[in-house]
Amino acid sequence: MVGRKLGLKEVDDGIWLVSFLRYDLGYIDIEQRTFQTIDNAFGTRLSPMS
């Protein structure tokens, strides 16, 4: 992942979603200065059946 860019998107007041490529990794809480990971961020994604 060296040299790759991370995506940051504010989803609530002071809460930012951290993404890499198309995967959501977790949330940063600016006030609490914490990072909460998303369980199995790189796990299998289910696509809707047509």
PDB file of N, CA and C in Angstrom:
ATOM      1  N   MET A   1       0.816  -1.188   0.000  1.00  0.00           N
ATOM      2  CA  MET A   1       0.000   0.000   0.000  1.00  0.00           C
ATOM      3  C   MET A   1       0.867   1.262   0.000  1.00  0.00           C
ATOM      4  N   VAL A   2       2.148   1.085   0.020  1.00  0.00           N
ATOM      5  CA  VAL A   2       3.042   2.237   0.033  1.00  0.00           C
ATOM      6  C   VAL A   2       2.855   3.039  -1.250  1.00  0.00           C
ATOM      7  N   GLY A   3       2.714   4.339  -1.092  1.00  0.00           N
ATOM      8  CA  GLY A   3       2.555   5.220  -2.235  1.00  0.00           C
ATOM      9  C   GLY A   3       1.131   5.365  -2.729  1.00  0.00           C
ATOM     10  N   ARG A   4       0.209   4.629  -2.181  1.00  0.00           N
ATOM     11  CA  ARG A   4      -1.198   4.722  -2.569  1.00  0.00           C
ATOM     12  C   ARG A   4      -1.889   5.779  -1.725  1.00  0.00           C
ATOM     13  N   LYS A   5      -2.927   6.363  -2.287  1.00  0.00           N
ATOM     14  CA  LYS A   5      -3.673   7.396  -1.573  1.00  0.00           C
ATOM     15  C   LYS A   5      -4.840   6.783  -0.809  1.00  0.00           C
ATOM     16  N   LEU A   6      -5.110   7.353   0.362  1.00  0.00           N
ATOM     17  CA  LEU A   6      -6.283   6.979   1.148  1.00  0.00           C
ATOM     18  C   LEU A   6      -7.387   7.983   0.869  1.00  0.00           C
ATOM     19  N   GLY A   7      -8.621   7.512   0.906  1.00  0.00           N
ATOM     20  CA  GLY A   7      -9.757   8.406   0.763  1.00  0.00           C
ATOM     21  C   GLY A   7     -10.288   8.788   2.130  1.00  0.00           C
ATOM     22  N   LEU A   8     -10.655  10.037   2.292  1.00  0.00           N
ATOM     23  CA  LEU A   8     -11.262  10.527   3.531  1.00  0.00           C
ATOM     24  C   LEU A   8     -12.562  11.241   3.169  1.00  0.00           C
ATOM     25  N   LYS A   9     -13.621  10.899   3.881  1.00  0.00           N
ATOM     26  CA  LYS A   9     -14.920  11.522   3.630  1.00  0.00           C
ATOM     27  C   LYS A   9     -15.603  11.777   4.964  1.00  0.00           C
ATOM     28  N   GLU A  10     -15.996  13.029   5.202  1.00  0.00           N
ATOM     29  CA  GLU A  10     -16.694  13.346   6.446  1.00  0.00           C
ATOM     30  C   GLU A  10     -18.122  12.824   6.348  1.00  0.00           C
ATOM     31  N   VAL A  11     -18.487  11.901   7.253  1.00  0.00           N
ATOM     32  CA  VAL A  11     -19.810  11.285   7.230  1.00  0.00           C
ATOM     33  C   VAL A  11     -20.720  11.826   8.326  1.00  0.00           C
ATOM     34  N   ASP A  12     -20.147  12.503   9.303  1.00  0.00           N
ATOM     35  CA  ASP A  12     -20.893  13.137  10.387  1.00  0.00           C
ATOM     36  C   ASP A  12     -19.986  14.224  10.937  1.00  0.00           C
ATOM     37  N   ASP A  13     -20.504  15.048  11.812  1.00  0.00           N
ATOM     38  CA  ASP A  13     -19.714  16.141  12.367  1.00  0.00           C
ATOM     39  C   ASP A  13     -18.509  15.591  13.132  1.00  0.00           C
ATOM     40  N   GLY A  14     -17.306  15.724  12.562  1.00  0.00           N
ATOM     41  CA  GLY A  14     -16.091  15.245  13.216  1.00  0.00           C
ATOM     42  C   GLY A  14     -15.800  13.774  13.032  1.00  0.00           C
ATOM     43  N   ILE A  15     -16.610  13.056  12.249  1.00  0.00           N
ATOM     44  CA  ILE A  15     -16.402  11.634  11.990  1.00  0.00           C
ATOM     45  C   ILE A  15     -16.055  11.467  10.510  1.00  0.00           C
ATOM     46  N   TRP A  16     -14.910  10.843  10.243  1.00  0.00           N
ATOM     47  CA  TRP A  16     -14.422  10.683   8.882  1.00  0.00           C
ATOM     48  C   TRP A  16     -14.286   9.206   8.534  1.00  0.00           C
ATOM     49  N   LEU A  17     -14.742   8.836   7.349  1.00  0.00           N
ATOM     50  CA  LEU A  17     -14.604   7.482   6.825  1.00  0.00           C
ATOM     51  C   LEU A  17     -13.277   7.398   6.075  1.00  0.00           C
ATOM     52  N   VAL A  18     -12.480   6.367   6.372  1.00  0.00           N
ATOM     53  CA  VAL A  18     -11.199   6.150   5.710  1.00  0.00           C
ATOM     54  C   VAL A  18     -11.359   4.979   4.738  1.00  0.00           C
ATOM     55  N   SER A  19     -10.995   5.216   3.470  1.00  0.00           N
ATOM     56  CA  SER A  19     -11.129   4.188   2.439  1.00  0.00           C
ATOM     57  C   SER A  19      -9.815   4.006   1.703  1.00  0.00           C
ATOM     58  N   PHE A  20      -9.604   2.800   1.198  1.00  0.00           N
ATOM     59  CA  PHE A  20      -8.465   2.486   0.361  1.00  0.00           C
ATOM     60  C   PHE A  20      -8.984   1.715  -0.834  1.00  0.00           C
ATOM     61  N   LEU A  21      -8.705   2.238  -2.030  1.00  0.00           N
ATOM     62  CA  LEU A  21      -9.272   1.691  -3.261  1.00  0.00           C
ATOM     63  C   LEU A  21     -10.791   1.685  -3.105  1.00  0.00           C
ATOM     64  N   ARG A  22     -11.434   0.547  -3.174  1.00  0.00           N
ATOM     65  CA  ARG A  22     -12.898   0.506  -3.011  1.00  0.00           C
ATOM     66  C   ARG A  22     -13.318  -0.074  -1.654  1.00  0.00           C
ATOM     67  N   TYR A  23     -12.375  -0.157  -0.733  1.00  0.00           N
ATOM     68  CA  TYR A  23     -12.637  -0.753   0.572  1.00  0.00           C
ATOM     69  C   TYR A  23     -12.679   0.306   1.674  1.00  0.00           C
ATOM     70  N   ASP A  24     -13.722   0.245   2.485  1.00  0.00           N
ATOM     71  CA  ASP A  24     -13.832   1.117   3.658  1.00  0.00           C
ATOM     72  C   ASP A  24     -13.080   0.453   4.806  1.00  0.00           C
ATOM     73  N   LEU A  25     -12.120   1.178   5.388  1.00  0.00           N
ATOM     74  CA  LEU A  25     -11.255   0.609   6.426  1.00  0.00           C
ATOM     75  C   LEU A  25     -11.730   0.908   7.836  1.00  0.00           C
ATOM     76  N   GLY A  26     -12.316   2.095   8.055  1.00  0.00           N
ATOM     77  CA  GLY A  26     -12.741   2.455   9.398  1.00  0.00           C
ATOM     78  C   GLY A  26     -13.103   3.922   9.495  1.00  0.00           C
ATOM     79  N   TYR A  27     -13.291   4.359  10.721  1.00  0.00           N
ATOM     80  CA  TYR A  27     -13.740   5.721  10.995  1.00  0.00           C
ATOM     81  C   TYR A  27     -12.776   6.415  11.950  1.00  0.00           C
ATOM     82  N   ILE A  28     -12.489   7.672  11.663  1.00  0.00           N
ATOM     83  CA  ILE A  28     -11.695   8.511  12.555  1.00  0.00           C
ATOM     84  C   ILE A  28     -12.641   9.475  13.260  1.00  0.00           C
ATOM     85  N   ASP A  29     -12.545   9.527  14.585  1.00  0.00           N
ATOM     86  CA  ASP A  29     -13.282  10.500  15.385  1.00  0.00           C
ATOM     87  C   ASP A  29     -12.292  11.586  15.769  1.00  0.00           C
ATOM     88  N   ILE A  30     -12.442  12.759  15.175  1.00  0.00           N
ATOM     89  CA  ILE A  30     -11.491  13.852  15.372  1.00  0.00           C
ATOM     90  C   ILE A  30     -11.459  14.316  16.831  1.00  0.00           C
ATOM     91  N   GLU A  31     -12.618  14.455  17.467  1.00  0.00           N
ATOM     92  CA  GLU A  31     -12.670  14.944  18.848  1.00  0.00           C
ATOM     93  C   GLU A  31     -12.046  13.960  19.829  1.00  0.00           C
ATOM     94  N   GLN A  32     -12.345  12.679  19.675  1.00  0.00           N
ATOM     95  CA  GLN A  32     -11.826  11.654  20.587  1.00  0.00           C
ATOM     96  C   GLN A  32     -10.427  11.189  20.194  1.00  0.00           C
ATOM     97  N   ARG A  33     -10.009  11.541  18.982  1.00  0.00           N
ATOM     98  CA  ARG A  33      -8.714  11.114  18.445  1.00  0.00           C
ATOM     99  C   ARG A  33      -8.582   9.595  18.444  1.00  0.00           C
ATOM    100  N   THR A  34      -9.625   8.944  17.907  1.00  0.00           N
ATOM    101  CA  THR A  34      -9.637   7.486  17.840  1.00  0.00           C
ATOM    102  C   THR A  34      -9.890   7.030  16.411  1.00  0.00           C
ATOM    103  N   PHE A  35      -9.505   5.803  16.141  1.00  0.00           N
ATOM    104  CA  PHE A  35      -9.764   5.162  14.856  1.00  0.00           C
ATOM    105  C   PHE A  35     -10.458   3.845  15.141  1.00  0.00           C
ATOM    106  N   GLN A  36     -11.639   3.655  14.580  1.00  0.00           N
ATOM    107  CA  GLN A  36     -12.416   2.421  14.758  1.00  0.00           C
ATOM    108  C   GLN A  36     -12.412   1.674  13.435  1.00  0.00           C
ATOM    109  N   THR A  37     -11.835   0.465  13.423  1.00  0.00           N
ATOM    110  CA  THR A  37     -11.771  -0.313  12.189  1.00  0.00           C
ATOM    111  C   THR A  37     -13.128  -0.944  11.868  1.00  0.00           C
ATOM    112  N   ILE A  38     -13.289  -1.281  10.614  1.00  0.00           N
ATOM    113  CA  ILE A  38     -14.467  -2.016  10.158  1.00  0.00           C
ATOM    114  C   ILE A  38     -14.070  -3.480  10.097  1.00  0.00           C
ATOM    115  N   ASP A  39     -14.862  -4.348  10.699  1.00  0.00           N
ATOM    116  CA  ASP A  39     -14.562  -5.778  10.696  1.00  0.00           C
ATOM    117  C   ASP A  39     -14.493  -6.295   9.269  1.00  0.00           C
ATOM    118  N   ASN A  40     -13.421  -7.003   8.958  1.00  0.00           N
ATOM    119  CA  ASN A  40     -13.236  -7.672   7.676  1.00  0.00           C
ATOM    120  C   ASN A  40     -13.383  -6.712   6.489  1.00  0.00           C
ATOM    121  N   ALA A  41     -12.668  -5.620   6.530  1.00  0.00           N
ATOM    122  CA  ALA A  41     -12.755  -4.599   5.472  1.00  0.00           C
ATOM    123  C   ALA A  41     -12.402  -5.141   4.093  1.00  0.00           C
ATOM    124  N   PHE A  42     -11.515  -6.136   4.027  1.00  0.00           N
ATOM    125  CA  PHE A  42     -11.106  -6.692   2.741  1.00  0.00           C
ATOM    126  C   PHE A  42     -11.799  -8.019   2.452  1.00  0.00           C
ATOM    127  N   GLY A  43     -12.845  -8.331   3.203  1.00  0.00           N
ATOM    128  CA  GLY A  43     -13.555  -9.587   3.021  1.00  0.00           C
ATOM    129  C   GLY A  43     -14.345  -9.643   1.730  1.00  0.00           C
ATOM    130  N   THR A  44     -14.949 -10.782   1.496  1.00  0.00           N
ATOM    131  CA  THR A  44     -15.746 -11.005   0.298  1.00  0.00           C
ATOM    132  C   THR A  44     -16.953 -10.082   0.291  1.00  0.00           C
ATOM    133  N   ARG A  45     -17.173  -9.461  -0.848  1.00  0.00           N
ATOM    134  CA  ARG A  45     -18.346  -8.608  -1.008  1.00  0.00           C
ATOM    135  C   ARG A  45     -19.387  -9.374  -1.793  1.00  0.00           C
ATOM    136  N   LEU A  46     -20.617  -9.288  -1.375  1.00  0.00           N
ATOM    137  CA  LEU A  46     -21.703  -9.957  -2.070  1.00  0.00           C
ATOM    138  C   LEU A  46     -22.320  -9.001  -3.074  1.00  0.00           C
ATOM    139  N   SER A  47     -22.454  -9.462  -4.284  1.00  0.00           N
ATOM    140  CA  SER A  47     -23.101  -8.640  -5.304  1.00  0.00           C
ATOM    141  C   SER A  47     -24.538  -9.094  -5.461  1.00  0.00           C
ATOM    142  N   PRO A  48     -25.451  -8.169  -5.727  1.00  0.00           N
ATOM    143  CA  PRO A  48     -26.861  -8.550  -5.868  1.00  0.00           C
ATOM    144  C   PRO A  48     -27.057  -9.484  -7.051  1.00  0.00           C
ATOM    145  N   MET A  49     -27.946 -10.427  -6.882  1.00  0.00           N
ATOM    146  CA  MET A  49     -28.247 -11.368  -7.984  1.00  0.00           C
ATOM    147  C   MET A  49     -29.189 -10.703  -8.964  1.00  0.00           C
ATOM    148  N   SER A  50     -28.983 -10.964 -10.242  1.00  0.00           N
ATOM    149  CA  SER A  50     -29.867 -10.365 -11.248  1.00  0.00           C
ATOM    150  C   SER A  50     -31.004 -11.272 -11.620  1.00  0.00           C
TER     151      SER A  50
END
